[in-house]
C-alpha atoms as a PDB file:
ATOM      1  CA  MET A   1     163.699 122.814 122.371  1.00  0.00           C
ATOM      2  CA  PRO A   2     162.611 126.405 123.144  1.00  0.00           C
ATOM      3  CA  ILE A   3     165.322 128.938 123.908  1.00  0.00           C
ATOM      4  CA  TRP A   4     164.201 129.377 127.523  1.00  0.00           C
ATOM      5  CA  GLU A   5     164.963 125.700 128.193  1.00  0.00           C
ATOM      6  CA  PHE A   6     168.601 125.957 127.086  1.00  0.00           C
ATOM      7  CA  PRO A   7     171.136 125.610 129.901  1.00  0.00           C
ATOM      8  CA  PHE A   8     172.712 128.948 128.929  1.00  0.00           C
ATOM      9  CA  ASN A   9     172.482 132.224 130.799  1.00  0.00           C
ATOM     10  CA  PHE A  10     171.056 134.986 128.611  1.00  0.00           C
ATOM     11  CA  ASP A  11     171.016 137.708 131.290  1.00  0.00           C
ATOM     12  CA  PHE A  12     173.616 139.734 129.380  1.00  0.00           C
ATOM     13  CA  ILE A  13     170.952 140.557 126.799  1.00  0.00           C
ATOM     14  CA  GLN A  14     168.818 142.339 129.375  1.00  0.00           C
ATOM     15  CA  ARG A  15     171.690 144.173 131.083  1.00  0.00           C
ATOM     16  CA  PRO A  16     172.982 147.294 129.344  1.00  0.00           C
ATOM     17  CA  ASP A  17     176.276 147.224 131.314  1.00  0.00           C
ATOM     18  CA  TRP A  18     177.904 144.906 128.762  1.00  0.00           C
ATOM     19  CA  ILE A  19     177.759 147.721 126.177  1.00  0.00           C
ATOM     20  CA  ARG A  20     181.024 149.606 125.845  1.00  0.00           C
ATOM     21  CA  PRO A  21     180.990 153.249 126.961  1.00  0.00           C
ATOM     22  CA  GLY A  22     180.430 155.638 124.077  1.00  0.00           C
ATOM     23  CA  THR A  23     178.326 153.183 122.077  1.00  0.00           C
ATOM     24  CA  ARG A  24     175.070 154.635 120.794  1.00  0.00           C
ATOM     25  CA  VAL A  25     171.952 152.820 121.876  1.00  0.00           C
ATOM     26  CA  VAL A  26     169.099 152.877 119.361  1.00  0.00           C
ATOM     27  CA  ASN A  27     166.169 154.866 120.645  1.00  0.00           C
ATOM     28  CA  GLU A  28     162.684 155.479 119.275  1.00  0.00           C
ATOM     29  CA  LEU A  29     163.789 158.557 117.310  1.00  0.00           C
ATOM     30  CA  ASP A  30     166.431 156.541 115.455  1.00  0.00           C
ATOM     31  CA  LEU A  31     163.870 153.846 114.747  1.00  0.00           C
ATOM     32  CA  GLY A  32     161.513 156.437 113.249  1.00  0.00           C
ATOM     33  CA  ARG A  33     164.277 157.732 111.008  1.00  0.00           C
ATOM     34  CA  ALA A  34     165.121 154.194 109.944  1.00  0.00           C
ATOM     35  CA  LEU A  35     161.498 153.589 108.984  1.00  0.00           C
ATOM     36  CA  GLU A  36     161.414 156.810 106.952  1.00  0.00           C
ATOM     37  CA  ARG A  37     164.655 155.832 105.251  1.00  0.00           C
ATOM     38  CA  TRP A  38     163.238 152.391 104.471  1.00  0.00           C
ATOM     39  CA  ILE A  39     160.196 153.988 102.809  1.00  0.00           C
ATOM     40  CA  VAL A  40     162.426 156.170 100.630  1.00  0.00           C
ATOM     41  CA  GLU A  41     164.722 153.273  99.690  1.00  0.00           C
ATOM     42  CA  ARG A  42     161.720 151.088  98.869  1.00  0.00           C
ATOM     43  CA  THR A  43     160.358 153.810  96.581  1.00  0.00           C
ATOM     44  CA  PHE A  44     163.715 154.124  94.825  1.00  0.00           C
ATOM     45  CA  GLY A  45     163.697 150.349  94.384  1.00  0.00           C
ATOM     46  CA  TRP A  46     160.301 150.540  92.699  1.00  0.00           C
ATOM     47  CA  LEU A  47     161.521 153.327  90.440  1.00  0.00           C
ATOM     48  CA  GLY A  48     164.611 151.288  89.578  1.00  0.00           C
ATOM     49  CA  ARG A  49     162.391 148.682  87.952  1.00  0.00           C
ATOM     50  CA  CYS A  50     161.527 151.168  85.217  1.00  0.00           C
ATOM     51  CA  ARG A  51     164.125 150.731  82.506  1.00  0.00           C
ATOM     52  CA  ARG A  52     164.365 154.389  81.616  1.00  0.00           C
ATOM     53  CA  LEU A  53     164.901 155.407  85.248  1.00  0.00           C
ATOM     54  CA  SER A  54     167.471 152.743  86.091  1.00  0.00           C
ATOM     55  CA  LYS A  55     170.160 154.855  84.397  1.00  0.00           C
ATOM     56  CA  ASP A  56     170.322 158.589  83.878  1.00  0.00           C
ATOM     57  CA  TYR A  57     169.722 158.783  80.136  1.00  0.00           C
ATOM     58  CA  GLU A  58     168.022 162.167  80.102  1.00  0.00           C
ATOM     59  CA  GLN A  59     169.847 165.392  79.299  1.00  0.00           C
ATOM     60  CA  ASN A  60     167.136 167.625  80.722  1.00  0.00           C
ATOM     61  CA  PRO A  61     166.267 167.344  84.446  1.00  0.00           C
ATOM     62  CA  ALA A  62     162.659 168.251  83.663  1.00  0.00           C
ATOM     63  CA  SER A  63     162.245 165.169  81.487  1.00  0.00           C
ATOM     64  CA  SER A  64     163.751 162.998  84.249  1.00  0.00           C
ATOM     65  CA  GLU A  65     161.247 164.467  86.677  1.00  0.00           C
ATOM     66  CA  ALA A  66     158.433 163.800  84.219  1.00  0.00           C
ATOM     67  CA  PHE A  67     159.454 160.147  83.910  1.00  0.00           C
ATOM     68  CA  VAL A  68     159.557 159.800  87.700  1.00  0.00           C
ATOM     69  CA  CYS A  69     156.006 161.186  87.854  1.00  0.00           C
ATOM     70  CA  LEU A  70     154.959 158.846  85.062  1.00  0.00           C
ATOM     71  CA  ALA A  71     156.482 155.826  86.817  1.00  0.00           C
ATOM     72  CA  MET A  72     154.815 156.689  90.131  1.00  0.00           C
ATOM     73  CA  THR A  73     151.488 157.216  88.358  1.00  0.00           C
ATOM     74  CA  ARG A  74     151.827 153.782  86.776  1.00  0.00           C
ATOM     75  CA  LEU A  75     152.686 152.254  90.144  1.00  0.00           C
ATOM     76  CA  MET A  76     149.719 153.875  91.892  1.00  0.00           C
ATOM     77  CA  ALA A  77     147.347 152.883  89.071  1.00  0.00           C
ATOM     78  CA  ARG A  78     148.429 149.266  89.463  1.00  0.00           C
ATOM     79  CA  ARG A  79     147.927 149.496  93.228  1.00  0.00           C
ATOM     80  CA  LEU A  80     144.426 150.890  92.804  1.00  0.00           C
ATOM     81  CA  ALA A  81     143.540 148.220  90.247  1.00  0.00           C
ATOM     82  CA  THR A  82     144.377 145.341  92.607  1.00  0.00           C
END
């Protein structure tokens, strides 16, 4: 049975007056920031698959940066190959 055939009243979803005063309503700017954050978190997830980057083993920050570049190069090469 589709939701529009239920005997319930769903008007409260369309009315913003049920929201408590002081509650933030998500707008387009917040949605854009959430999408950017999702892209960054997804990239960190991909980098976390590399064993050497899953923990901070390196003593020198330059070598950590080099391994991040190496991991992203490997990821992009695989993307281009498929």
